[in-house]
């Protein structure tokens, strides 16, 4: 589904019981609450309104390829339990 990264993070928050306090982690960072991940995108992304083809579940946000299949490899964001 096409959406911005902010929309994907908001959807991930709504799919989880803890909402915006749910902890997420990228493959390069420390776990932090979804609300802070959204702020990071707003403040540091080159284009926060850029549209991506993403698959969001309660566990992760993954990129889709040009054929609509989930790309292999690490999730862009994944929920962590600490």
C-alpha atoms as a PDB file:
ATOM      1  CA  UNK A   1       0.000   0.000   0.000  1.00  0.00           C
ATOM      2  CA  UNK A   2       1.362   3.416  -0.887  1.00  0.00           C
ATOM      3  CA  UNK A   3       1.869   5.758   2.070  1.00  0.00           C
ATOM      4  CA  UNK A   4       4.382   8.040   3.713  1.00  0.00           C
ATOM      5  CA  UNK A   5       6.646   6.684   6.426  1.00  0.00           C
ATOM      6  CA  UNK A   6       4.748   8.815   8.945  1.00  0.00           C
ATOM      7  CA  UNK A   7       1.451   7.231   7.883  1.00  0.00           C
ATOM      8  CA  UNK A   8       3.033   3.772   8.157  1.00  0.00           C
ATOM      9  CA  UNK A   9       4.310   4.496  11.672  1.00  0.00           C
ATOM     10  CA  UNK A  10       0.901   5.834  12.696  1.00  0.00           C
ATOM     11  CA  UNK A  11      -0.733   2.678  11.339  1.00  0.00           C
ATOM     12  CA  UNK A  12       1.793   0.546  13.247  1.00  0.00           C
ATOM     13  CA  UNK A  13       0.913   2.470  16.430  1.00  0.00           C
ATOM     14  CA  UNK A  14      -2.793   1.820  15.929  1.00  0.00           C
ATOM     15  CA  UNK A  15      -2.178  -1.901  15.402  1.00  0.00           C
ATOM     16  CA  UNK A  16      -0.394  -2.185  18.742  1.00  0.00           C
ATOM     17  CA  UNK A  17      -1.869  -2.134  22.210  1.00  0.00           C
ATOM     18  CA  UNK A  18       0.593   0.483  23.489  1.00  0.00           C
ATOM     19  CA  UNK A  19      -0.086   2.826  20.573  1.00  0.00           C
ATOM     20  CA  UNK A  20       2.434   5.605  20.125  1.00  0.00           C
ATOM     21  CA  UNK A  21       4.435   4.354  23.135  1.00  0.00           C
ATOM     22  CA  UNK A  22       5.193   1.065  21.337  1.00  0.00           C
ATOM     23  CA  UNK A  23       8.939   0.628  20.940  1.00  0.00           C
ATOM     24  CA  UNK A  24      10.296   0.266  17.418  1.00  0.00           C
ATOM     25  CA  UNK A  25      13.774  -0.256  16.085  1.00  0.00           C
ATOM     26  CA  UNK A  26      15.405   0.174  12.706  1.00  0.00           C
ATOM     27  CA  UNK A  27      18.296  -2.066  11.720  1.00  0.00           C
ATOM     28  CA  UNK A  28      20.646   0.829  12.501  1.00  0.00           C
ATOM     29  CA  UNK A  29      19.242   2.310  15.693  1.00  0.00           C
ATOM     30  CA  UNK A  30      18.273   1.958  19.285  1.00  0.00           C
ATOM     31  CA  UNK A  31      14.674   1.173  20.247  1.00  0.00           C
ATOM     32  CA  UNK A  32      12.463   4.184  20.834  1.00  0.00           C
ATOM     33  CA  UNK A  33       8.760   4.995  20.968  1.00  0.00           C
ATOM     34  CA  UNK A  34       6.864   5.342  17.692  1.00  0.00           C
ATOM     35  CA  UNK A  35       6.053   8.950  18.561  1.00  0.00           C
ATOM     36  CA  UNK A  36       9.805   9.729  18.523  1.00  0.00           C
ATOM     37  CA  UNK A  37      10.322   7.790  15.289  1.00  0.00           C
ATOM     38  CA  UNK A  38       7.640   9.974  13.704  1.00  0.00           C
ATOM     39  CA  UNK A  39       9.356  13.122  14.996  1.00  0.00           C
ATOM     40  CA  UNK A  40      12.668  11.884  13.557  1.00  0.00           C
ATOM     41  CA  UNK A  41      11.065  11.452  10.130  1.00  0.00           C
ATOM     42  CA  UNK A  42       9.484  14.917  10.326  1.00  0.00           C
ATOM     43  CA  UNK A  43      12.736  16.547  11.422  1.00  0.00           C
ATOM     44  CA  UNK A  44      15.416  14.651   9.511  1.00  0.00           C
ATOM     45  CA  UNK A  45      13.943  13.028   6.397  1.00  0.00           C
ATOM     46  CA  UNK A  46      14.874  14.683   3.136  1.00  0.00           C
ATOM     47  CA  UNK A  47      11.192  14.561   2.112  1.00  0.00           C
ATOM     48  CA  UNK A  48       8.825  13.527   4.933  1.00  0.00           C
ATOM     49  CA  UNK A  49       5.940  13.418   2.437  1.00  0.00           C
ATOM     50  CA  UNK A  50       7.658  10.938   0.121  1.00  0.00           C
ATOM     51  CA  UNK A  51       5.399   8.015  -0.786  1.00  0.00           C
ATOM     52  CA  UNK A  52       6.627   4.434  -0.402  1.00  0.00           C
ATOM     53  CA  UNK A  53       5.028   1.082  -1.169  1.00  0.00           C
ATOM     54  CA  UNK A  54       4.876  -0.452   2.322  1.00  0.00           C
ATOM     55  CA  UNK A  55       3.390  -3.433   4.126  1.00  0.00           C
ATOM     56  CA  UNK A  56       2.466  -2.708   7.772  1.00  0.00           C
ATOM     57  CA  UNK A  57       1.638  -5.415  10.304  1.00  0.00           C
ATOM     58  CA  UNK A  58       1.514  -5.273  14.091  1.00  0.00           C
ATOM     59  CA  UNK A  59       5.142  -6.496  14.085  1.00  0.00           C
ATOM     60  CA  UNK A  60       6.858  -4.435  11.407  1.00  0.00           C
ATOM     61  CA  UNK A  61       6.963  -2.087   8.445  1.00  0.00           C
ATOM     62  CA  UNK A  62       8.442  -3.649   5.325  1.00  0.00           C
ATOM     63  CA  UNK A  63       9.049  -2.327   1.830  1.00  0.00           C
ATOM     64  CA  UNK A  64       7.314  -3.888  -1.159  1.00  0.00           C
ATOM     65  CA  UNK A  65       9.001  -4.454  -4.512  1.00  0.00           C
ATOM     66  CA  UNK A  66       7.646  -3.296  -7.871  1.00  0.00           C
ATOM     67  CA  UNK A  67       5.525  -6.475  -8.106  1.00  0.00           C
ATOM     68  CA  UNK A  68       3.884  -5.947  -4.703  1.00  0.00           C
ATOM     69  CA  UNK A  69       5.899  -8.616  -2.884  1.00  0.00           C
ATOM     70  CA  UNK A  70       7.608  -7.984   0.445  1.00  0.00           C
ATOM     71  CA  UNK A  71      11.302  -7.287  -0.116  1.00  0.00           C
ATOM     72  CA  UNK A  72      13.598  -9.734   1.622  1.00  0.00           C
ATOM     73  CA  UNK A  73      15.934  -8.542   4.346  1.00  0.00           C
ATOM     74  CA  UNK A  74      15.467  -6.458   7.437  1.00  0.00           C
ATOM     75  CA  UNK A  75      12.239  -4.637   8.185  1.00  0.00           C
ATOM     76  CA  UNK A  76      12.392  -0.836   7.936  1.00  0.00           C
ATOM     77  CA  UNK A  77      10.949  -0.703  11.444  1.00  0.00           C
ATOM     78  CA  UNK A  78      10.159  -3.590  13.766  1.00  0.00           C
ATOM     79  CA  UNK A  79       8.388  -3.688  17.095  1.00  0.00           C
ATOM     80  CA  UNK A  80      10.594  -4.673  20.014  1.00  0.00           C
ATOM     81  CA  UNK A  81       9.554  -5.835  23.444  1.00  0.00           C
ATOM     82  CA  UNK A  82      11.739  -4.639  26.278  1.00  0.00           C
END
